[in-house]
Amino acid sequence: MTENAEHHDEDTAPEAETSQNEVPQKGEPAKGEPTVEQMKAAEHYAAEDMLSDDEVEEFLGDEVSEEELAEEEASEGFADPLEALAADCQKLETENTELKDRILLTAADMENLRRRTTKDVADARAFSIAGFARDMLAVSDNLRRTIDSVPEDDKGSEDMKNFLEGLEMTEREMLNTLEKHGVKKLVPLDEKFDPNFHQAMFELPNSDIPNNTIVQVVQDGYVIGNRVLRPAMVGVAKGGPKFVAPTSDANDAETDGAES
């Protein structure tokens, strides 16, 4: 029995040795070696400097099926490079348009901010003394009341003349100083009543004067810049014809007549 076993081992040994040294058929890669597709893909990646030598070896060592390789090539754009290039161009154009829109919007915002800042600074300079100027108008009014309260009989003396002249000089200097800072006096007499600048205190019936014409000024009005610092208190005519503002032609005729 021992001899039969030894004979059986001798018969099976060559078969095992033959299976280990089995030679692959023609056209098929040996077991563990890369396929032709893997070699081509590795050469492409290496030519494009996309993989290092170590990465090429690692890539060749992995078994990749033809379907996986085709999907990878398609995802990388190797299937149709023109379509991939067109998609990249379209993406860049879209990004460029968005960036231009953002730049234009930012530029518009900055321009609006600059204009608002310029206006705010100008308003701050023009109207910063509005409260102070309004208070000083009360002082000017008191000076005028003092001058007007002197009886005509007392104005003949030399001392009173000098006193009144000093008050008038003080009043003029104060108004000139206010005017340097943008405060101007309103002169509404014989003008049409404007509720934005005038305050009507009473009405005077008069059929000869156009309706709503200012015929008397009770208290002077002042403006600072384009804002009313204090409206003028006035009396207006009532019952006359409709007020007609003078035209530019009439003003030119009056100017030409004055020059001739």
C-alpha atoms as a PDB file:
ATOM      1  CA  MET A   1       0.000   0.000   0.000  1.00  0.00           C
ATOM      2  CA  THR A   2       2.904   2.294   0.736  1.00  0.00           C
ATOM      3  CA  GLU A   3       4.351   1.712  -2.669  1.00  0.00           C
ATOM      4  CA  ASN A   4       1.054   2.535  -4.383  1.00  0.00           C
ATOM      5  CA  ALA A   5       0.879   5.867  -2.467  1.00  0.00           C
ATOM      6  CA  GLU A   6       4.423   6.762  -3.457  1.00  0.00           C
ATOM      7  CA  HIS A   7       3.647   5.903  -7.079  1.00  0.00           C
ATOM      8  CA  HIS A   8       0.521   8.065  -6.959  1.00  0.00           C
ATOM      9  CA  ASP A   9       2.510  11.051  -5.632  1.00  0.00           C
ATOM     10  CA  GLU A  10       5.035  10.686  -8.419  1.00  0.00           C
ATOM     11  CA  ASP A  11       2.241  10.726 -10.994  1.00  0.00           C
ATOM     12  CA  THR A  12       0.535  13.879  -9.603  1.00  0.00           C
ATOM     13  CA  ALA A  13       3.715  15.928  -9.047  1.00  0.00           C
ATOM     14  CA  PRO A  14       4.363  16.687 -12.735  1.00  0.00           C
ATOM     15  CA  GLU A  15       0.734  17.793 -13.178  1.00  0.00           C
ATOM     16  CA  ALA A  16       1.024  20.340 -10.358  1.00  0.00           C
ATOM     17  CA  GLU A  17       4.312  21.589 -11.707  1.00  0.00           C
ATOM     18  CA  THR A  18       2.773  21.906 -15.177  1.00  0.00           C
ATOM     19  CA  SER A  19      -0.199  23.984 -13.814  1.00  0.00           C
ATOM     20  CA  GLN A  20       2.157  26.396 -12.041  1.00  0.00           C
ATOM     21  CA  ASN A  21       4.228  26.981 -15.179  1.00  0.00           C
ATOM     22  CA  GLU A  22       1.166  27.342 -17.410  1.00  0.00           C
ATOM     23  CA  VAL A  23       1.955  29.710 -20.319  1.00  0.00           C
ATOM     24  CA  PRO A  24      -0.783  32.279 -21.255  1.00  0.00           C
ATOM     25  CA  GLN A  25      -2.271  32.166 -24.693  1.00  0.00           C
ATOM     26  CA  LYS A  26      -1.088  34.510 -27.439  1.00  0.00           C
ATOM     27  CA  GLY A  27      -2.493  38.064 -27.114  1.00  0.00           C
ATOM     28  CA  GLU A  28      -3.399  37.706 -23.422  1.00  0.00           C
ATOM     29  CA  PRO A  29      -1.263  39.407 -20.704  1.00  0.00           C
ATOM     30  CA  ALA A  30       0.301  37.260 -18.086  1.00  0.00           C
ATOM     31  CA  LYS A  31      -1.343  37.191 -14.706  1.00  0.00           C
ATOM     32  CA  GLY A  32      -0.386  40.270 -12.669  1.00  0.00           C
ATOM     33  CA  GLU A  33       0.798  42.258 -15.733  1.00  0.00           C
ATOM     34  CA  PRO A  34      -1.023  45.437 -16.970  1.00  0.00           C
ATOM     35  CA  THR A  35      -3.331  45.287 -19.962  1.00  0.00           C
ATOM     36  CA  VAL A  36      -2.770  47.175 -23.225  1.00  0.00           C
ATOM     37  CA  GLU A  37      -5.415  49.757 -22.269  1.00  0.00           C
ATOM     38  CA  GLN A  38      -3.712  50.346 -18.941  1.00  0.00           C
ATOM     39  CA  MET A  39      -0.375  50.833 -20.689  1.00  0.00           C
ATOM     40  CA  LYS A  40      -1.878  53.400 -23.128  1.00  0.00           C
ATOM     41  CA  ALA A  41      -3.583  55.322 -20.362  1.00  0.00           C
ATOM     42  CA  ALA A  42      -0.395  55.333 -18.307  1.00  0.00           C
ATOM     43  CA  GLU A  43       1.610  56.628 -21.287  1.00  0.00           C
ATOM     44  CA  HIS A  44      -0.971  59.410 -21.830  1.00  0.00           C
ATOM     45  CA  TYR A  45      -0.905  60.503 -18.191  1.00  0.00           C
ATOM     46  CA  ALA A  46       2.884  60.400 -18.147  1.00  0.00           C
ATOM     47  CA  ALA A  47       3.115  62.448 -21.391  1.00  0.00           C
ATOM     48  CA  GLU A  48       0.816  65.107 -19.927  1.00  0.00           C
ATOM     49  CA  ASP A  49       2.855  65.191 -16.697  1.00  0.00           C
ATOM     50  CA  MET A  50      -0.292  64.257 -14.837  1.00  0.00           C
ATOM     51  CA  LEU A  51       1.305  61.342 -12.937  1.00  0.00           C
ATOM     52  CA  SER A  52       4.728  60.802 -11.475  1.00  0.00           C
ATOM     53  CA  ASP A  53       6.723  57.628 -12.113  1.00  0.00           C
ATOM     54  CA  ASP A  54       5.611  56.160  -8.779  1.00  0.00           C
ATOM     55  CA  GLU A  55       1.998  56.971  -9.549  1.00  0.00           C
ATOM     56  CA  VAL A  56       2.346  55.344 -13.009  1.00  0.00           C
ATOM     57  CA  GLU A  57       3.656  52.161 -11.442  1.00  0.00           C
ATOM     58  CA  GLU A  58       0.865  52.244  -8.875  1.00  0.00           C
ATOM     59  CA  PHE A  59      -1.642  52.816 -11.663  1.00  0.00           C
ATOM     60  CA  LEU A  60      -0.305  49.909 -13.720  1.00  0.00           C
ATOM     61  CA  GLY A  61      -0.467  47.685 -10.688  1.00  0.00           C
ATOM     62  CA  ASP A  62      -4.228  48.194 -10.328  1.00  0.00           C
ATOM     63  CA  GLU A  63      -6.544  46.172 -12.527  1.00  0.00           C
ATOM     64  CA  VAL A  64      -9.031  48.461 -14.262  1.00  0.00           C
ATOM     65  CA  SER A  65     -11.762  47.183 -16.539  1.00  0.00           C
ATOM     66  CA  GLU A  66     -12.373  48.637 -20.007  1.00  0.00           C
ATOM     67  CA  GLU A  67     -15.721  50.122 -18.910  1.00  0.00           C
ATOM     68  CA  GLU A  68     -14.167  51.911 -15.932  1.00  0.00           C
ATOM     69  CA  LEU A  69     -11.367  53.214 -18.169  1.00  0.00           C
ATOM     70  CA  ALA A  70     -13.886  54.508 -20.735  1.00  0.00           C
ATOM     71  CA  GLU A  71     -15.923  56.256 -18.013  1.00  0.00           C
ATOM     72  CA  GLU A  72     -12.760  57.843 -16.616  1.00  0.00           C
ATOM     73  CA  GLU A  73     -11.674  59.060 -20.053  1.00  0.00           C
ATOM     74  CA  ALA A  74     -15.135  60.514 -20.688  1.00  0.00           C
ATOM     75  CA  SER A  75     -15.154  62.290 -17.313  1.00  0.00           C
ATOM     76  CA  GLU A  76     -11.719  63.775 -18.026  1.00  0.00           C
ATOM     77  CA  GLY A  77     -12.852  65.071 -21.405  1.00  0.00           C
ATOM     78  CA  PHE A  78     -10.841  62.680 -23.542  1.00  0.00           C
ATOM     79  CA  ALA A  79     -13.977  61.416 -25.284  1.00  0.00           C
ATOM     80  CA  ASP A  80     -14.722  64.842 -26.929  1.00  0.00           C
ATOM     81  CA  PRO A  81     -12.138  67.572 -26.135  1.00  0.00           C
ATOM     82  CA  LEU A  82     -14.009  70.203 -28.212  1.00  0.00           C
ATOM     83  CA  GLU A  83     -17.142  69.873 -26.122  1.00  0.00           C
ATOM     84  CA  ALA A  84     -15.104  70.148 -22.939  1.00  0.00           C
ATOM     85  CA  LEU A  85     -13.339  73.250 -24.282  1.00  0.00           C
ATOM     86  CA  ALA A  86     -16.652  74.856 -25.282  1.00  0.00           C
ATOM     87  CA  ALA A  87     -18.091  74.155 -21.824  1.00  0.00           C
ATOM     88  CA  ASP A  88     -15.049  75.743 -20.183  1.00  0.00           C
ATOM     89  CA  CYS A  89     -15.360  78.832 -22.434  1.00  0.00           C
ATOM     90  CA  GLN A  90     -19.052  79.175 -21.611  1.00  0.00           C
ATOM     91  CA  LYS A  91     -18.299  78.895 -17.909  1.00  0.00           C
ATOM     92  CA  LEU A  92     -15.601  81.565 -18.138  1.00  0.00           C
ATOM     93  CA  GLU A  93     -17.910  83.897 -20.083  1.00  0.00           C
ATOM     94  CA  THR A  94     -20.625  83.484 -17.454  1.00  0.00           C
ATOM     95  CA  GLU A  95     -18.188  84.216 -14.643  1.00  0.00           C
ATOM     96  CA  ASN A  96     -16.834  87.231 -16.555  1.00  0.00           C
ATOM     97  CA  THR A  97     -20.354  88.638 -17.015  1.00  0.00           C
ATOM     98  CA  GLU A  98     -21.140  88.186 -13.327  1.00  0.00           C
ATOM     99  CA  LEU A  99     -17.909  89.919 -12.325  1.00  0.00           C
ATOM    100  CA  LYS A 100     -18.626  92.851 -14.681  1.00  0.00           C
ATOM    101  CA  ASP A 101     -22.106  93.238 -13.196  1.00  0.00           C
ATOM    102  CA  ARG A 102     -20.683  93.228  -9.680  1.00  0.00           C
ATOM    103  CA  ILE A 103     -18.057  95.819 -10.604  1.00  0.00           C
ATOM    104  CA  LEU A 104     -20.643  98.099 -12.234  1.00  0.00           C
ATOM    105  CA  LEU A 105     -22.976  97.758  -9.250  1.00  0.00           C
ATOM    106  CA  THR A 106     -20.149  98.517  -6.838  1.00  0.00           C
ATOM    107  CA  ALA A 107     -19.091 101.535  -8.910  1.00  0.00           C
ATOM    108  CA  ALA A 108     -22.681 102.856  -8.938  1.00  0.00           C
ATOM    109  CA  ASP A 109     -22.970 102.409  -5.172  1.00  0.00           C
ATOM    110  CA  MET A 110     -19.688 104.237  -4.625  1.00  0.00           C
ATOM    111  CA  GLU A 111     -20.794 107.116  -6.880  1.00  0.00           C
ATOM    112  CA  ASN A 112     -24.088 107.444  -5.000  1.00  0.00           C
ATOM    113  CA  LEU A 113     -22.229 107.342  -1.710  1.00  0.00           C
ATOM    114  CA  ARG A 114     -19.842 110.040  -2.924  1.00  0.00           C
ATOM    115  CA  ARG A 115     -22.722 112.301  -3.979  1.00  0.00           C
ATOM    116  CA  ARG A 116     -24.582 111.790  -0.706  1.00  0.00           C
ATOM    117  CA  THR A 117     -21.430 112.475   1.281  1.00  0.00           C
ATOM    118  CA  THR A 118     -20.705 115.631  -0.726  1.00  0.00           C
ATOM    119  CA  LYS A 119     -24.276 116.862  -0.182  1.00  0.00           C
ATOM    120  CA  ASP A 120     -24.182 116.058   3.528  1.00  0.00           C
ATOM    121  CA  VAL A 121     -20.892 117.912   3.942  1.00  0.00           C
ATOM    122  CA  ALA A 122     -22.227 120.924   2.029  1.00  0.00           C
ATOM    123  CA  ASP A 123     -25.435 120.964   4.074  1.00  0.00           C
ATOM    124  CA  ALA A 124     -23.471 120.652   7.300  1.00  0.00           C
ATOM    125  CA  ARG A 125     -21.343 123.651   6.344  1.00  0.00           C
ATOM    126  CA  ALA A 126     -24.313 125.716   5.169  1.00  0.00           C
ATOM    127  CA  PHE A 127     -26.749 124.962   7.972  1.00  0.00           C
ATOM    128  CA  SER A 128     -24.416 124.395  10.914  1.00  0.00           C
ATOM    129  CA  ILE A 129     -25.003 127.961  12.158  1.00  0.00           C
ATOM    130  CA  ALA A 130     -28.773 127.958  11.537  1.00  0.00           C
ATOM    131  CA  GLY A 131     -29.641 127.949  15.232  1.00  0.00           C
ATOM    132  CA  PHE A 132     -27.073 130.628  16.076  1.00  0.00           C
ATOM    133  CA  ALA A 133     -28.169 132.820  13.142  1.00  0.00           C
ATOM    134  CA  ARG A 134     -31.834 132.526  14.172  1.00  0.00           C
ATOM    135  CA  ASP A 135     -30.956 133.731  17.663  1.00  0.00           C
ATOM    136  CA  MET A 136     -28.917 136.620  16.285  1.00  0.00           C
ATOM    137  CA  LEU A 137     -31.891 137.756  14.221  1.00  0.00           C
ATOM    138  CA  ALA A 138     -33.688 138.497  17.470  1.00  0.00           C
ATOM    139  CA  VAL A 139     -30.822 140.806  18.439  1.00  0.00           C
ATOM    140  CA  SER A 140     -31.049 142.543  15.067  1.00  0.00           C
ATOM    141  CA  ASP A 141     -34.797 142.991  15.517  1.00  0.00           C
ATOM    142  CA  ASN A 142     -34.249 144.615  18.906  1.00  0.00           C
ATOM    143  CA  LEU A 143     -31.726 147.031  17.410  1.00  0.00           C
ATOM    144  CA  ARG A 144     -34.214 148.008  14.730  1.00  0.00           C
ATOM    145  CA  ARG A 145     -36.996 148.474  17.286  1.00  0.00           C
ATOM    146  CA  THR A 146     -34.718 150.698  19.336  1.00  0.00           C
ATOM    147  CA  ILE A 147     -33.935 152.890  16.323  1.00  0.00           C
ATOM    148  CA  ASP A 148     -37.599 153.122  15.296  1.00  0.00           C
ATOM    149  CA  SER A 149     -38.749 153.951  18.831  1.00  0.00           C
ATOM    150  CA  VAL A 150     -36.837 157.253  18.988  1.00  0.00           C
ATOM    151  CA  PRO A 151     -39.237 160.166  18.472  1.00  0.00           C
ATOM    152  CA  GLU A 152     -38.640 162.433  15.503  1.00  0.00           C
ATOM    153  CA  ASP A 153     -38.311 165.479  17.765  1.00  0.00           C
ATOM    154  CA  ASP A 154     -35.416 163.912  19.667  1.00  0.00           C
ATOM    155  CA  LYS A 155     -33.479 162.965  16.521  1.00  0.00           C
ATOM    156  CA  GLY A 156     -32.457 166.591  15.987  1.00  0.00           C
ATOM    157  CA  SER A 157     -29.917 166.701  18.824  1.00  0.00           C
ATOM    158  CA  GLU A 158     -26.279 165.949  18.037  1.00  0.00           C
ATOM    159  CA  ASP A 159     -25.927 163.332  20.761  1.00  0.00           C
ATOM    160  CA  MET A 160     -29.016 161.432  19.582  1.00  0.00           C
ATOM    161  CA  LYS A 161     -27.791 161.479  15.981  1.00  0.00           C
ATOM    162  CA  ASN A 162     -24.477 159.961  17.021  1.00  0.00           C
ATOM    163  CA  PHE A 163     -26.298 157.369  19.130  1.00  0.00           C
ATOM    164  CA  LEU A 164     -28.650 156.343  16.312  1.00  0.00           C
ATOM    165  CA  GLU A 165     -25.798 156.260  13.819  1.00  0.00           C
ATOM    166  CA  GLY A 166     -23.896 153.876  16.081  1.00  0.00           C
ATOM    167  CA  LEU A 167     -26.950 151.590  16.362  1.00  0.00           C
ATOM    168  CA  GLU A 168     -27.460 151.559  12.601  1.00  0.00           C
ATOM    169  CA  MET A 169     -23.796 150.761  12.004  1.00  0.00           C
ATOM    170  CA  THR A 170     -24.028 147.884  14.482  1.00  0.00           C
ATOM    171  CA  GLU A 171     -27.148 146.575  12.742  1.00  0.00           C
ATOM    172  CA  ARG A 172     -25.545 146.756   9.292  1.00  0.00           C
ATOM    173  CA  GLU A 173     -22.374 145.035  10.482  1.00  0.00           C
ATOM    174  CA  MET A 174     -24.390 142.224  12.059  1.00  0.00           C
ATOM    175  CA  LEU A 175     -26.436 141.670   8.886  1.00  0.00           C
ATOM    176  CA  ASN A 176     -23.294 141.770   6.714  1.00  0.00           C
ATOM    177  CA  THR A 177     -21.646 139.156   8.929  1.00  0.00           C
ATOM    178  CA  LEU A 178     -24.698 136.901   8.711  1.00  0.00           C
ATOM    179  CA  GLU A 179     -24.772 137.310   4.931  1.00  0.00           C
ATOM    180  CA  LYS A 180     -21.146 136.160   4.698  1.00  0.00           C
ATOM    181  CA  HIS A 181     -22.288 132.893   6.276  1.00  0.00           C
ATOM    182  CA  GLY A 182     -25.188 132.394   3.853  1.00  0.00           C
ATOM    183  CA  VAL A 183     -27.966 134.226   5.690  1.00  0.00           C
ATOM    184  CA  LYS A 184     -29.844 136.564   3.357  1.00  0.00           C
ATOM    185  CA  LYS A 185     -32.691 138.974   3.955  1.00  0.00           C
ATOM    186  CA  LEU A 186     -35.966 138.556   2.055  1.00  0.00           C
ATOM    187  CA  VAL A 187     -37.367 141.620   0.265  1.00  0.00           C
ATOM    188  CA  PRO A 188     -40.947 140.533  -0.562  1.00  0.00           C
ATOM    189  CA  LEU A 189     -42.629 143.960  -0.983  1.00  0.00           C
ATOM    190  CA  ASP A 190     -44.747 144.149  -4.172  1.00  0.00           C
ATOM    191  CA  GLU A 191     -44.116 140.462  -4.863  1.00  0.00           C
ATOM    192  CA  LYS A 192     -46.668 137.685  -5.041  1.00  0.00           C
ATOM    193  CA  PHE A 193     -47.387 135.972  -1.739  1.00  0.00           C
ATOM    194  CA  ASP A 194     -45.497 132.663  -1.426  1.00  0.00           C
ATOM    195  CA  PRO A 195     -46.459 130.489   1.562  1.00  0.00           C
ATOM    196  CA  ASN A 196     -43.028 128.847   1.447  1.00  0.00           C
ATOM    197  CA  PHE A 197     -41.286 132.127   2.328  1.00  0.00           C
ATOM    198  CA  HIS A 198     -44.026 134.419   3.665  1.00  0.00           C
ATOM    199  CA  GLN A 199     -46.498 134.377   6.498  1.00  0.00           C
ATOM    200  CA  ALA A 200     -49.696 136.404   5.934  1.00  0.00           C
ATOM    201  CA  MET A 201     -50.678 138.409   9.001  1.00  0.00           C
ATOM    202  CA  PHE A 202     -53.650 140.314   7.498  1.00  0.00           C
ATOM    203  CA  GLU A 203     -55.374 141.221   4.236  1.00  0.00           C
ATOM    204  CA  LEU A 204     -55.956 144.712   2.848  1.00  0.00           C
ATOM    205  CA  PRO A 205     -58.900 145.151   0.449  1.00  0.00           C
ATOM    206  CA  ASN A 206     -57.693 147.013  -2.615  1.00  0.00           C
ATOM    207  CA  SER A 207     -59.186 146.596  -6.097  1.00  0.00           C
ATOM    208  CA  ASP A 208     -56.335 148.453  -7.793  1.00  0.00           C
ATOM    209  CA  ILE A 209     -53.590 146.074  -6.673  1.00  0.00           C
ATOM    210  CA  PRO A 210     -53.404 142.480  -7.983  1.00  0.00           C
ATOM    211  CA  ASN A 211     -54.727 139.885  -5.616  1.00  0.00           C
ATOM    212  CA  ASN A 212     -52.215 138.259  -3.188  1.00  0.00           C
ATOM    213  CA  THR A 213     -49.662 141.034  -3.706  1.00  0.00           C
ATOM    214  CA  ILE A 214     -47.563 141.841  -0.632  1.00  0.00           C
ATOM    215  CA  VAL A 215     -48.243 145.447   0.285  1.00  0.00           C
ATOM    216  CA  GLN A 216     -46.691 145.627   3.744  1.00  0.00           C
ATOM    217  CA  VAL A 217     -43.866 143.877   5.621  1.00  0.00           C
ATOM    218  CA  VAL A 218     -44.387 143.554   9.362  1.00  0.00           C
ATOM    219  CA  GLN A 219     -41.219 141.593  10.086  1.00  0.00           C
ATOM    220  CA  ASP A 220     -38.330 140.806   7.766  1.00  0.00           C
ATOM    221  CA  GLY A 221     -37.724 137.221   6.718  1.00  0.00           C
ATOM    222  CA  TYR A 222     -34.402 135.454   6.199  1.00  0.00           C
ATOM    223  CA  VAL A 223     -33.143 132.378   4.388  1.00  0.00           C
ATOM    224  CA  ILE A 224     -29.967 130.364   4.822  1.00  0.00           C
ATOM    225  CA  GLY A 225     -28.913 128.655   1.622  1.00  0.00           C
ATOM    226  CA  ASN A 226     -32.143 127.378   0.095  1.00  0.00           C
ATOM    227  CA  ARG A 227     -33.927 126.955   3.445  1.00  0.00           C
ATOM    228  CA  VAL A 228     -36.156 129.410   5.232  1.00  0.00           C
ATOM    229  CA  LEU A 229     -34.571 130.583   8.452  1.00  0.00           C
ATOM    230  CA  ARG A 230     -37.555 132.765   9.316  1.00  0.00           C
ATOM    231  CA  PRO A 231     -40.565 133.576   7.104  1.00  0.00           C
ATOM    232  CA  ALA A 232     -41.413 137.200   6.445  1.00  0.00           C
ATOM    233  CA  MET A 233     -44.575 138.422   8.185  1.00  0.00           C
ATOM    234  CA  VAL A 234     -46.542 140.380   5.616  1.00  0.00           C
ATOM    235  CA  GLY A 235     -49.880 141.899   4.698  1.00  0.00           C
ATOM    236  CA  VAL A 236     -51.416 141.051   1.306  1.00  0.00           C
ATOM    237  CA  ALA A 237     -53.883 142.786  -0.985  1.00  0.00           C
ATOM    238  CA  LYS A 238     -57.327 141.330  -1.592  1.00  0.00           C
ATOM    239  CA  GLY A 239     -60.039 141.926  -4.166  1.00  0.00           C
ATOM    240  CA  GLY A 240     -57.898 143.081  -7.089  1.00  0.00           C
ATOM    241  CA  PRO A 241     -57.227 141.453 -10.473  1.00  0.00           C
ATOM    242  CA  LYS A 242     -55.234 138.278 -10.849  1.00  0.00           C
ATOM    243  CA  PHE A 243     -51.539 138.647 -10.172  1.00  0.00           C
ATOM    244  CA  VAL A 244     -49.416 138.398 -13.325  1.00  0.00           C
ATOM    245  CA  ALA A 245     -45.697 137.806 -12.850  1.00  0.00           C
ATOM    246  CA  PRO A 246     -43.451 139.996 -15.010  1.00  0.00           C
ATOM    247  CA  THR A 247     -42.135 138.146 -18.073  1.00  0.00           C
ATOM    248  CA  SER A 248     -38.582 138.116 -19.312  1.00  0.00           C
ATOM    249  CA  ASP A 249     -39.597 140.166 -22.397  1.00  0.00           C
ATOM    250  CA  ALA A 250     -41.022 142.908 -20.209  1.00  0.00           C
ATOM    251  CA  ASN A 251     -37.898 142.937 -18.095  1.00  0.00           C
ATOM    252  CA  ASP A 252     -35.754 143.194 -21.232  1.00  0.00           C
ATOM    253  CA  ALA A 253     -37.859 146.083 -22.513  1.00  0.00           C
ATOM    254  CA  GLU A 254     -37.513 147.907 -19.221  1.00  0.00           C
ATOM    255  CA  THR A 255     -33.753 147.340 -19.303  1.00  0.00           C
ATOM    256  CA  ASP A 256     -33.474 148.606 -22.886  1.00  0.00           C
ATOM    257  CA  GLY A 257     -35.533 151.696 -22.025  1.00  0.00           C
ATOM    258  CA  ALA A 258     -33.353 152.441 -19.031  1.00  0.00           C
ATOM    259  CA  GLU A 259     -30.207 152.134 -21.160  1.00  0.00           C
ATOM    260  CA  SER A 260     -31.587 154.438 -23.889  1.00  0.00           C
END
